[in-house]
Amino acid sequence: MTTREVTIGHTPLRFETGKLAKQAGGSVIVRYGDSVVLVTACRSTSPREGIDFLPLTVDYREYTYASGRIPGGFFKREGKPAEKEVLTSRVIDRPIRPLFPSGWRYESQIIALVLSADQENDTDILAITGASAALALSDIPFEKTIASVRIGLVDGAFIVNPTFEQRKQSKLDLVVAGTRDGIVMVEAGAREVTEAQVVEALETAHAAIRKIAAAIDDLAREAGKSKVKIQKKEIGHDFYREVEEKVLVPLTEADPRQARELRPRRSGARRAGGRHSRGRGRAPARGEADLQGSQGEGLA
């Protein structure tokens, strides 16, 4: 088993590989406090033909046993993914999808399974970092190592990966994912923080991300697999020039005012018809007709 450890905030972040899920392309256990997440990365043996997109699946699951509870009563099994699980799967997917090589058509799968939840540290951040570590350890040619942290602002001080209790008091809930070179994803919620505070929070997050990414790279150099080499599909020069002349040049030379004049205008007949449908020309309903008939008979 190979391990690496780095202190983030006041808590050690530990990576372990070579103990569980050995048949996966890459697997890592991420520990932060008593929260533990197992993340695996796998790919198919051959590329999928006839597609023009990245066939990537990300699944994040939190089973109740991670918090020491077993379903009982009528429902004795886990149900469908909760909203938190679906949103976390999307947050994992968002920063890693653009970092796959162009033309990668192998079915790829990232599975993050929460093994232990200590009720203090959120496991969604561990899953994002674990996905990057699993990809770095696998033979998938992932381009750059990423990491993720959450930044809180409590009593004027920035806290990296705040606990659930600290997040209740925090004025800022900022999730940042990035590489050593820059930031690739930001999600934030705040209560009246200044622009300077947001910038400082991003800088604090990026400093922590660099430390985590360095630890993952060091782990991959010792325990990682050799990467698969793929041939990038080159676009023909003649075809590229043809598309550029037919599409790019006309769009570049287009006049926005001319496009506005060519835009079809609404017909006034439709609006007029709408008025008549709501005015006196409307036929009376059945109940109204009966009422009008009875009133006419009474007057006669």
C-alpha atoms as a PDB file:
ATOM      1  CA  MET A   1       0.000   0.000   0.000  1.00  0.00           C
ATOM      2  CA  THR A   2       1.309   3.437  -0.962  1.00  0.00           C
ATOM      3  CA  THR A   3       0.285   6.547   0.942  1.00  0.00           C
ATOM      4  CA  ARG A   4       0.756  10.297   0.849  1.00  0.00           C
ATOM      5  CA  GLU A   5      -0.360  12.866   3.398  1.00  0.00           C
ATOM      6  CA  VAL A   6      -0.669  16.646   3.368  1.00  0.00           C
ATOM      7  CA  THR A   7      -2.104  18.955   6.014  1.00  0.00           C
ATOM      8  CA  ILE A   8      -4.980  21.123   4.809  1.00  0.00           C
ATOM      9  CA  GLY A   9      -6.295  23.597   7.342  1.00  0.00           C
ATOM     10  CA  HIS A  10      -5.584  21.871  10.629  1.00  0.00           C
ATOM     11  CA  THR A  11      -6.480  18.353   9.476  1.00  0.00           C
ATOM     12  CA  PRO A  12      -4.318  15.852   7.575  1.00  0.00           C
ATOM     13  CA  LEU A  13      -5.556  14.792   4.131  1.00  0.00           C
ATOM     14  CA  ARG A  14      -4.384  11.239   3.411  1.00  0.00           C
ATOM     15  CA  PHE A  15      -4.304   9.269   0.140  1.00  0.00           C
ATOM     16  CA  GLU A  16      -3.999   5.471   0.118  1.00  0.00           C
ATOM     17  CA  THR A  17      -3.770   3.156  -2.891  1.00  0.00           C
ATOM     18  CA  GLY A  18      -3.076  -0.540  -3.421  1.00  0.00           C
ATOM     19  CA  LYS A  19      -5.374  -1.846  -0.669  1.00  0.00           C
ATOM     20  CA  LEU A  20      -8.930  -1.802  -2.054  1.00  0.00           C
ATOM     21  CA  ALA A  21     -10.376  -2.148  -5.589  1.00  0.00           C
ATOM     22  CA  LYS A  22      -7.152  -3.522  -7.053  1.00  0.00           C
ATOM     23  CA  GLN A  23      -8.856  -4.591 -10.290  1.00  0.00           C
ATOM     24  CA  ALA A  24      -9.885  -1.033 -11.112  1.00  0.00           C
ATOM     25  CA  GLY A  25      -7.800   1.006 -13.493  1.00  0.00           C
ATOM     26  CA  GLY A  26      -7.024   3.385 -10.650  1.00  0.00           C
ATOM     27  CA  SER A  27      -8.302   3.449  -7.081  1.00  0.00           C
ATOM     28  CA  VAL A  28      -7.623   5.635  -4.081  1.00  0.00           C
ATOM     29  CA  ILE A  29      -8.921   6.015  -0.543  1.00  0.00           C
ATOM     30  CA  VAL A  30      -9.165   9.626   0.607  1.00  0.00           C
ATOM     31  CA  ARG A  31      -9.262  10.301   4.354  1.00  0.00           C
ATOM     32  CA  TYR A  32      -9.967  13.642   5.988  1.00  0.00           C
ATOM     33  CA  GLY A  33     -10.640  13.400   9.692  1.00  0.00           C
ATOM     34  CA  ASP A  34     -12.872  10.341  10.026  1.00  0.00           C
ATOM     35  CA  SER A  35     -14.533  10.863   6.650  1.00  0.00           C
ATOM     36  CA  VAL A  36     -13.408   8.265   4.107  1.00  0.00           C
ATOM     37  CA  VAL A  37     -14.206   8.048   0.379  1.00  0.00           C
ATOM     38  CA  LEU A  38     -13.192   5.293  -2.037  1.00  0.00           C
ATOM     39  CA  VAL A  39     -12.852   6.545  -5.623  1.00  0.00           C
ATOM     40  CA  THR A  40     -12.161   4.333  -8.644  1.00  0.00           C
ATOM     41  CA  ALA A  41     -11.498   5.088 -12.313  1.00  0.00           C
ATOM     42  CA  CYS A  42     -12.049   2.514 -15.073  1.00  0.00           C
ATOM     43  CA  ARG A  43     -12.182   2.481 -18.873  1.00  0.00           C
ATOM     44  CA  SER A  44     -13.256   0.075 -21.592  1.00  0.00           C
ATOM     45  CA  THR A  45     -10.664  -1.988 -23.472  1.00  0.00           C
ATOM     46  CA  SER A  46     -11.608  -0.569 -26.876  1.00  0.00           C
ATOM     47  CA  PRO A  47     -12.948   2.801 -28.051  1.00  0.00           C
ATOM     48  CA  ARG A  48     -16.615   3.249 -28.829  1.00  0.00           C
ATOM     49  CA  GLU A  49     -17.238   3.720 -32.527  1.00  0.00           C
ATOM     50  CA  GLY A  50     -19.626   6.186 -34.144  1.00  0.00           C
ATOM     51  CA  ILE A  51     -19.726   8.849 -31.400  1.00  0.00           C
ATOM     52  CA  ASP A  52     -18.444  12.409 -31.283  1.00  0.00           C
ATOM     53  CA  PHE A  53     -18.526  13.014 -27.503  1.00  0.00           C
ATOM     54  CA  LEU A  54     -16.683  11.927 -24.364  1.00  0.00           C
ATOM     55  CA  PRO A  55     -18.436   8.826 -22.924  1.00  0.00           C
ATOM     56  CA  LEU A  56     -17.826   9.616 -19.250  1.00  0.00           C
ATOM     57  CA  THR A  57     -20.026   8.470 -16.361  1.00  0.00           C
ATOM     58  CA  VAL A  58     -19.620   9.826 -12.824  1.00  0.00           C
ATOM     59  CA  ASP A  59     -21.479   8.304  -9.888  1.00  0.00           C
ATOM     60  CA  TYR A  60     -21.264   9.512  -6.282  1.00  0.00           C
ATOM     61  CA  ARG A  61     -23.109   7.513  -3.617  1.00  0.00           C
ATOM     62  CA  GLU A  62     -23.683   8.010   0.106  1.00  0.00           C
ATOM     63  CA  TYR A  63     -25.054   4.869   1.695  1.00  0.00           C
ATOM     64  CA  THR A  64     -26.550   5.055   5.174  1.00  0.00           C
ATOM     65  CA  TYR A  65     -24.047   2.610   6.633  1.00  0.00           C
ATOM     66  CA  ALA A  66     -21.363   5.300   6.198  1.00  0.00           C
ATOM     67  CA  SER A  67     -22.920   7.129   9.160  1.00  0.00           C
ATOM     68  CA  GLY A  68     -23.527   3.942  11.156  1.00  0.00           C
ATOM     69  CA  ARG A  69     -27.194   3.424  10.246  1.00  0.00           C
ATOM     70  CA  ILE A  70     -28.879   0.475   8.554  1.00  0.00           C
ATOM     71  CA  PRO A  71     -32.234   0.938   6.761  1.00  0.00           C
ATOM     72  CA  GLY A  72     -35.063  -0.771   8.624  1.00  0.00           C
ATOM     73  CA  GLY A  73     -38.837  -0.990   8.628  1.00  0.00           C
ATOM     74  CA  PHE A  74     -40.579  -1.282   5.269  1.00  0.00           C
ATOM     75  CA  PHE A  75     -37.605  -0.083   3.160  1.00  0.00           C
ATOM     76  CA  LYS A  76     -34.596  -2.302   3.820  1.00  0.00           C
ATOM     77  CA  ARG A  77     -32.551  -1.249   0.810  1.00  0.00           C
ATOM     78  CA  GLU A  78     -31.038   1.971  -0.427  1.00  0.00           C
ATOM     79  CA  GLY A  79     -33.239   3.989  -2.746  1.00  0.00           C
ATOM     80  CA  LYS A  80     -32.440   6.102  -5.770  1.00  0.00           C
ATOM     81  CA  PRO A  81     -29.673   8.725  -5.541  1.00  0.00           C
ATOM     82  CA  ALA A  82     -30.630  11.714  -3.420  1.00  0.00           C
ATOM     83  CA  GLU A  83     -30.407  15.280  -4.686  1.00  0.00           C
ATOM     84  CA  LYS A  84     -27.068  15.795  -2.884  1.00  0.00           C
ATOM     85  CA  GLU A  85     -25.628  12.728  -4.634  1.00  0.00           C
ATOM     86  CA  VAL A  86     -26.792  13.862  -8.087  1.00  0.00           C
ATOM     87  CA  LEU A  87     -25.418  17.385  -7.626  1.00  0.00           C
ATOM     88  CA  THR A  88     -22.107  16.088  -6.289  1.00  0.00           C
ATOM     89  CA  SER A  89     -21.763  13.785  -9.308  1.00  0.00           C
ATOM     90  CA  ARG A  90     -22.168  16.839 -11.539  1.00  0.00           C
ATOM     91  CA  VAL A  91     -19.623  18.819  -9.523  1.00  0.00           C
ATOM     92  CA  ILE A  92     -17.105  15.982  -9.956  1.00  0.00           C
ATOM     93  CA  ASP A  93     -17.812  15.761 -13.693  1.00  0.00           C
ATOM     94  CA  ARG A  94     -17.516  19.487 -14.386  1.00  0.00           C
ATOM     95  CA  PRO A  95     -13.795  20.072 -13.659  1.00  0.00           C
ATOM     96  CA  ILE A  96     -12.457  16.731 -14.946  1.00  0.00           C
ATOM     97  CA  ARG A  97     -14.335  16.411 -18.262  1.00  0.00           C
ATOM     98  CA  PRO A  98     -12.401  19.158 -20.123  1.00  0.00           C
ATOM     99  CA  LEU A  99      -9.066  17.616 -19.047  1.00  0.00           C
ATOM    100  CA  PHE A 100      -9.519  14.373 -20.961  1.00  0.00           C
ATOM    101  CA  PRO A 101      -7.520  14.265 -24.201  1.00  0.00           C
ATOM    102  CA  SER A 102      -9.257  15.330 -27.399  1.00  0.00           C
ATOM    103  CA  GLY A 103     -10.668  12.351 -29.250  1.00  0.00           C
ATOM    104  CA  TRP A 104     -10.947  10.085 -26.173  1.00  0.00           C
ATOM    105  CA  ARG A 105     -13.746   7.639 -27.052  1.00  0.00           C
ATOM    106  CA  TYR A 106     -13.213   4.928 -24.427  1.00  0.00           C
ATOM    107  CA  GLU A 107     -16.142   4.371 -22.075  1.00  0.00           C
ATOM    108  CA  SER A 108     -14.872   5.838 -18.791  1.00  0.00           C
ATOM    109  CA  GLN A 109     -16.382   5.579 -15.338  1.00  0.00           C
ATOM    110  CA  ILE A 110     -15.663   7.374 -12.070  1.00  0.00           C
ATOM    111  CA  ILE A 111     -17.275   5.885  -8.944  1.00  0.00           C
ATOM    112  CA  ALA A 112     -17.030   7.663  -5.578  1.00  0.00           C
ATOM    113  CA  LEU A 113     -18.345   5.653  -2.629  1.00  0.00           C
ATOM    114  CA  VAL A 114     -18.512   7.143   0.861  1.00  0.00           C
ATOM    115  CA  LEU A 115     -17.236   4.535   3.332  1.00  0.00           C
ATOM    116  CA  SER A 116     -17.385   6.696   6.440  1.00  0.00           C
ATOM    117  CA  ALA A 117     -19.017  10.038   7.270  1.00  0.00           C
ATOM    118  CA  ASP A 118     -17.887  11.634  10.537  1.00  0.00           C
ATOM    119  CA  GLN A 119     -20.710  14.242  10.559  1.00  0.00           C
ATOM    120  CA  GLU A 120     -18.107  17.023  10.607  1.00  0.00           C
ATOM    121  CA  ASN A 121     -16.328  17.050   7.247  1.00  0.00           C
ATOM    122  CA  ASP A 122     -18.282  17.027   3.986  1.00  0.00           C
ATOM    123  CA  THR A 123     -17.274  14.233   1.611  1.00  0.00           C
ATOM    124  CA  ASP A 124     -18.125  15.991  -1.671  1.00  0.00           C
ATOM    125  CA  ILE A 125     -14.775  17.809  -1.740  1.00  0.00           C
ATOM    126  CA  LEU A 126     -12.941  14.545  -1.014  1.00  0.00           C
ATOM    127  CA  ALA A 127     -14.729  12.905  -3.943  1.00  0.00           C
ATOM    128  CA  ILE A 128     -13.595  15.586  -6.413  1.00  0.00           C
ATOM    129  CA  THR A 129      -9.976  15.315  -5.288  1.00  0.00           C
ATOM    130  CA  GLY A 130     -10.214  11.516  -5.168  1.00  0.00           C
ATOM    131  CA  ALA A 131     -11.479  11.390  -8.759  1.00  0.00           C
ATOM    132  CA  SER A 132      -8.384  13.279  -9.908  1.00  0.00           C
ATOM    133  CA  ALA A 133      -6.115  11.001  -7.866  1.00  0.00           C
ATOM    134  CA  ALA A 134      -7.756   7.842  -9.270  1.00  0.00           C
ATOM    135  CA  LEU A 135      -7.323   9.149 -12.825  1.00  0.00           C
ATOM    136  CA  ALA A 136      -3.689  10.029 -12.130  1.00  0.00           C
ATOM    137  CA  LEU A 137      -3.043   6.477 -10.886  1.00  0.00           C
ATOM    138  CA  SER A 138      -4.848   4.822 -13.817  1.00  0.00           C
ATOM    139  CA  ASP A 139      -3.690   4.338 -17.412  1.00  0.00           C
ATOM    140  CA  ILE A 140      -6.172   6.966 -18.645  1.00  0.00           C
ATOM    141  CA  PRO A 141      -4.143   9.838 -20.172  1.00  0.00           C
ATOM    142  CA  PHE A 142      -5.564  12.567 -17.936  1.00  0.00           C
ATOM    143  CA  GLU A 143      -3.864  15.820 -18.882  1.00  0.00           C
ATOM    144  CA  LYS A 144      -3.531  17.673 -15.553  1.00  0.00           C
ATOM    145  CA  THR A 145      -3.987  16.802 -11.902  1.00  0.00           C
ATOM    146  CA  ILE A 146      -6.720  18.768 -10.146  1.00  0.00           C
ATOM    147  CA  ALA A 147      -7.767  19.150  -6.530  1.00  0.00           C
ATOM    148  CA  SER A 148     -10.667  20.817  -4.757  1.00  0.00           C
ATOM    149  CA  VAL A 149     -11.236  22.647  -1.475  1.00  0.00           C
ATOM    150  CA  ARG A 150     -14.041  24.560   0.204  1.00  0.00           C
ATOM    151  CA  ILE A 151     -13.405  27.999   1.710  1.00  0.00           C
ATOM    152  CA  GLY A 152     -15.418  29.495   4.554  1.00  0.00           C
ATOM    153  CA  LEU A 153     -15.319  32.951   6.163  1.00  0.00           C
ATOM    154  CA  VAL A 154     -15.910  32.930   9.910  1.00  0.00           C
ATOM    155  CA  ASP A 155     -15.225  36.005  12.090  1.00  0.00           C
ATOM    156  CA  GLY A 156     -13.168  37.591   9.319  1.00  0.00           C
ATOM    157  CA  ALA A 157     -10.843  34.592   8.935  1.00  0.00           C
ATOM    158  CA  PHE A 158     -10.725  32.241   5.946  1.00  0.00           C
ATOM    159  CA  ILE A 159     -11.057  28.540   6.769  1.00  0.00           C
ATOM    160  CA  VAL A 160     -10.046  25.788   4.336  1.00  0.00           C
ATOM    161  CA  ASN A 161     -12.525  22.895   4.362  1.00  0.00           C
ATOM    162  CA  PRO A 162     -14.707  24.159   7.237  1.00  0.00           C
ATOM    163  CA  THR A 163     -16.800  21.718   9.240  1.00  0.00           C
ATOM    164  CA  PHE A 164     -20.603  21.596   9.036  1.00  0.00           C
ATOM    165  CA  GLU A 165     -20.851  23.678  12.210  1.00  0.00           C
ATOM    166  CA  GLN A 166     -18.459  26.305  10.880  1.00  0.00           C
ATOM    167  CA  ARG A 167     -20.373  26.493   7.592  1.00  0.00           C
ATOM    168  CA  LYS A 168     -23.521  27.494   9.487  1.00  0.00           C
ATOM    169  CA  GLN A 169     -21.685  30.573  10.822  1.00  0.00           C
ATOM    170  CA  SER A 170     -19.753  31.286   7.632  1.00  0.00           C
ATOM    171  CA  LYS A 171     -20.530  34.282   5.409  1.00  0.00           C
ATOM    172  CA  LEU A 172     -19.002  32.485   2.414  1.00  0.00           C
ATOM    173  CA  ASP A 173     -19.360  28.984   0.992  1.00  0.00           C
ATOM    174  CA  LEU A 174     -16.862  28.770  -1.871  1.00  0.00           C
ATOM    175  CA  VAL A 175     -15.982  25.525  -3.687  1.00  0.00           C
ATOM    176  CA  VAL A 176     -12.903  25.775  -5.898  1.00  0.00           C
ATOM    177  CA  ALA A 177     -11.294  23.175  -8.154  1.00  0.00           C
ATOM    178  CA  GLY A 178      -8.069  23.756 -10.018  1.00  0.00           C
ATOM    179  CA  THR A 179      -4.648  22.628 -11.139  1.00  0.00           C
ATOM    180  CA  ARG A 180      -1.232  23.888 -10.136  1.00  0.00           C
ATOM    181  CA  ASP A 181      -1.446  26.466 -12.914  1.00  0.00           C
ATOM    182  CA  GLY A 182      -4.924  27.868 -12.392  1.00  0.00           C
ATOM    183  CA  ILE A 183      -8.535  27.519 -11.317  1.00  0.00           C
ATOM    184  CA  VAL A 184     -10.924  25.498 -13.467  1.00  0.00           C
ATOM    185  CA  MET A 185     -14.197  25.651 -11.501  1.00  0.00           C
ATOM    186  CA  VAL A 186     -15.817  27.912  -8.901  1.00  0.00           C
ATOM    187  CA  GLU A 187     -19.145  27.507  -7.104  1.00  0.00           C
ATOM    188  CA  ALA A 188     -20.096  29.979  -4.423  1.00  0.00           C
ATOM    189  CA  GLY A 189     -22.791  31.181  -2.107  1.00  0.00           C
ATOM    190  CA  ALA A 190     -22.277  34.226   0.091  1.00  0.00           C
ATOM    191  CA  ARG A 191     -23.927  36.776   2.370  1.00  0.00           C
ATOM    192  CA  GLU A 192     -22.738  40.251   1.431  1.00  0.00           C
ATOM    193  CA  VAL A 193     -18.993  39.712   1.052  1.00  0.00           C
ATOM    194  CA  THR A 194     -16.792  42.196  -0.756  1.00  0.00           C
ATOM    195  CA  GLU A 195     -14.987  41.636  -4.034  1.00  0.00           C
ATOM    196  CA  ALA A 196     -11.624  41.827  -2.244  1.00  0.00           C
ATOM    197  CA  GLN A 197     -12.699  39.066   0.143  1.00  0.00           C
ATOM    198  CA  VAL A 198     -13.710  36.824  -2.760  1.00  0.00           C
ATOM    199  CA  VAL A 199     -10.353  37.373  -4.472  1.00  0.00           C
ATOM    200  CA  GLU A 200      -8.497  36.584  -1.253  1.00  0.00           C
ATOM    201  CA  ALA A 201     -10.604  33.453  -0.794  1.00  0.00           C
ATOM    202  CA  LEU A 202      -9.714  32.281  -4.313  1.00  0.00           C
ATOM    203  CA  GLU A 203      -6.020  32.846  -3.625  1.00  0.00           C
ATOM    204  CA  THR A 204      -6.277  30.912  -0.348  1.00  0.00           C
ATOM    205  CA  ALA A 205      -8.006  28.053  -2.130  1.00  0.00           C
ATOM    206  CA  HIS A 206      -5.450  27.928  -4.942  1.00  0.00           C
ATOM    207  CA  ALA A 207      -2.579  27.774  -2.467  1.00  0.00           C
ATOM    208  CA  ALA A 208      -4.150  24.705  -0.835  1.00  0.00           C
ATOM    209  CA  ILE A 209      -4.916  23.173  -4.243  1.00  0.00           C
ATOM    210  CA  ARG A 210      -1.241  23.394  -5.238  1.00  0.00           C
ATOM    211  CA  LYS A 211      -0.208  21.434  -2.129  1.00  0.00           C
ATOM    212  CA  ILE A 212      -2.798  18.701  -2.767  1.00  0.00           C
ATOM    213  CA  ALA A 213      -1.965  18.424  -6.486  1.00  0.00           C
ATOM    214  CA  ALA A 214       1.727  18.059  -5.655  1.00  0.00           C
ATOM    215  CA  ALA A 215       0.941  15.196  -3.250  1.00  0.00           C
ATOM    216  CA  ILE A 216      -1.193  13.440  -5.900  1.00  0.00           C
ATOM    217  CA  ASP A 217       1.544  13.796  -8.537  1.00  0.00           C
ATOM    218  CA  ASP A 218       4.084  12.368  -6.112  1.00  0.00           C
ATOM    219  CA  LEU A 219       1.781   9.420  -5.395  1.00  0.00           C
ATOM    220  CA  ALA A 220       1.216   8.794  -9.112  1.00  0.00           C
ATOM    221  CA  ARG A 221       4.948   8.782  -9.857  1.00  0.00           C
ATOM    222  CA  GLU A 222       5.455   5.951  -7.363  1.00  0.00           C
ATOM    223  CA  ALA A 223       2.288   3.860  -7.791  1.00  0.00           C
ATOM    224  CA  GLY A 224       0.702   5.016 -11.058  1.00  0.00           C
ATOM    225  CA  LYS A 225       0.363   3.030 -14.283  1.00  0.00           C
ATOM    226  CA  SER A 226       1.826   3.962 -17.644  1.00  0.00           C
ATOM    227  CA  LYS A 227      -0.609   6.006 -19.722  1.00  0.00           C
ATOM    228  CA  VAL A 228      -2.336   4.764 -22.861  1.00  0.00           C
ATOM    229  CA  LYS A 229      -1.190   6.505 -26.013  1.00  0.00           C
ATOM    230  CA  ILE A 230      -3.914   7.584 -28.409  1.00  0.00           C
ATOM    231  CA  GLN A 231      -3.732   9.155 -31.807  1.00  0.00           C
ATOM    232  CA  LYS A 232      -5.390  12.516 -32.044  1.00  0.00           C
ATOM    233  CA  LYS A 233      -7.677  12.993 -35.001  1.00  0.00           C
ATOM    234  CA  GLU A 234      -6.271  15.745 -37.135  1.00  0.00           C
ATOM    235  CA  ILE A 235      -8.698  17.870 -39.142  1.00  0.00           C
ATOM    236  CA  GLY A 236      -7.728  18.090 -42.815  1.00  0.00           C
ATOM    237  CA  HIS A 237      -6.292  21.459 -43.794  1.00  0.00           C
ATOM    238  CA  ASP A 238      -8.457  21.749 -46.906  1.00  0.00           C
ATOM    239  CA  PHE A 239     -11.639  20.920 -44.982  1.00  0.00           C
ATOM    240  CA  TYR A 240     -10.712  23.402 -42.260  1.00  0.00           C
ATOM    241  CA  ARG A 241     -10.158  26.167 -44.807  1.00  0.00           C
ATOM    242  CA  GLU A 242     -13.460  25.385 -46.534  1.00  0.00           C
ATOM    243  CA  VAL A 243     -15.450  25.642 -43.296  1.00  0.00           C
ATOM    244  CA  GLU A 244     -13.598  28.810 -42.350  1.00  0.00           C
ATOM    245  CA  GLU A 245     -14.435  30.484 -45.667  1.00  0.00           C
ATOM    246  CA  LYS A 246     -18.109  29.446 -45.623  1.00  0.00           C
ATOM    247  CA  VAL A 247     -18.873  30.079 -41.949  1.00  0.00           C
ATOM    248  CA  LEU A 248     -16.239  32.091 -40.106  1.00  0.00           C
ATOM    249  CA  VAL A 249     -15.685  34.797 -42.724  1.00  0.00           C
ATOM    250  CA  PRO A 250     -19.425  35.617 -43.225  1.00  0.00           C
ATOM    251  CA  LEU A 251     -19.992  35.708 -39.471  1.00  0.00           C
ATOM    252  CA  THR A 252     -17.032  38.009 -38.984  1.00  0.00           C
ATOM    253  CA  GLU A 253     -18.187  40.386 -41.691  1.00  0.00           C
ATOM    254  CA  ALA A 254     -21.849  40.340 -40.642  1.00  0.00           C
ATOM    255  CA  ASP A 255     -23.406  43.626 -39.528  1.00  0.00           C
ATOM    256  CA  PRO A 256     -25.573  43.278 -36.394  1.00  0.00           C
ATOM    257  CA  ARG A 257     -27.857  46.097 -37.619  1.00  0.00           C
ATOM    258  CA  GLN A 258     -28.444  44.307 -40.901  1.00  0.00           C
ATOM    259  CA  ALA A 259     -29.276  41.082 -39.061  1.00  0.00           C
ATOM    260  CA  ARG A 260     -31.810  42.991 -36.965  1.00  0.00           C
ATOM    261  CA  GLU A 261     -33.494  44.360 -40.098  1.00  0.00           C
ATOM    262  CA  LEU A 262     -33.720  40.897 -41.637  1.00  0.00           C
ATOM    263  CA  ARG A 263     -35.370  39.488 -38.509  1.00  0.00           C
ATOM    264  CA  PRO A 264     -39.036  38.617 -39.219  1.00  0.00           C
ATOM    265  CA  ARG A 265     -41.549  40.936 -37.610  1.00  0.00           C
ATOM    266  CA  ARG A 266     -44.656  39.899 -35.701  1.00  0.00           C
ATOM    267  CA  SER A 267     -47.949  40.093 -37.514  1.00  0.00           C
ATOM    268  CA  GLY A 268     -50.532  42.486 -36.084  1.00  0.00           C
ATOM    269  CA  ALA A 269     -53.387  40.188 -37.127  1.00  0.00           C
ATOM    270  CA  ARG A 270     -52.526  37.728 -34.415  1.00  0.00           C
ATOM    271  CA  ARG A 271     -52.708  40.381 -31.717  1.00  0.00           C
ATOM    272  CA  ALA A 272     -55.963  41.701 -33.113  1.00  0.00           C
ATOM    273  CA  GLY A 273     -57.405  38.213 -33.168  1.00  0.00           C
ATOM    274  CA  GLY A 274     -56.398  37.827 -29.574  1.00  0.00           C
ATOM    275  CA  ARG A 275     -58.358  40.933 -28.645  1.00  0.00           C
ATOM    276  CA  HIS A 276     -61.481  39.757 -30.474  1.00  0.00           C
ATOM    277  CA  SER A 277     -61.291  36.379 -28.812  1.00  0.00           C
ATOM    278  CA  ARG A 278     -61.536  38.104 -25.431  1.00  0.00           C
ATOM    279  CA  GLY A 279     -64.055  40.795 -26.429  1.00  0.00           C
ATOM    280  CA  ARG A 280     -67.697  41.010 -27.374  1.00  0.00           C
ATOM    281  CA  GLY A 281     -67.325  38.620 -30.279  1.00  0.00           C
ATOM    282  CA  ARG A 282     -66.890  35.687 -27.885  1.00  0.00           C
ATOM    283  CA  ALA A 283     -69.724  33.138 -28.022  1.00  0.00           C
ATOM    284  CA  PRO A 284     -71.487  32.713 -24.667  1.00  0.00           C
ATOM    285  CA  ALA A 285     -70.922  29.543 -22.740  1.00  0.00           C
ATOM    286  CA  ARG A 286     -73.702  27.023 -22.293  1.00  0.00           C
ATOM    287  CA  GLY A 287     -74.602  28.111 -18.778  1.00  0.00           C
ATOM    288  CA  GLU A 288     -74.546  31.757 -19.783  1.00  0.00           C
ATOM    289  CA  ALA A 289     -76.872  31.124 -22.721  1.00  0.00           C
ATOM    290  CA  ASP A 290     -79.414  29.402 -20.462  1.00  0.00           C
ATOM    291  CA  LEU A 291     -79.214  32.272 -17.989  1.00  0.00           C
ATOM    292  CA  GLN A 292     -79.742  34.866 -20.734  1.00  0.00           C
ATOM    293  CA  GLY A 293     -82.728  32.925 -22.070  1.00  0.00           C
ATOM    294  CA  SER A 294     -84.385  32.747 -18.675  1.00  0.00           C
ATOM    295  CA  GLN A 295     -83.846  36.461 -18.093  1.00  0.00           C
ATOM    296  CA  GLY A 296     -85.397  37.252 -21.487  1.00  0.00           C
ATOM    297  CA  GLU A 297     -88.448  35.142 -20.732  1.00  0.00           C
ATOM    298  CA  GLY A 298     -88.908  36.899 -17.366  1.00  0.00           C
ATOM    299  CA  LEU A 299     -88.756  40.326 -18.955  1.00  0.00           C
ATOM    300  CA  ALA A 300     -91.272  39.331 -21.581  1.00  0.00           C
END
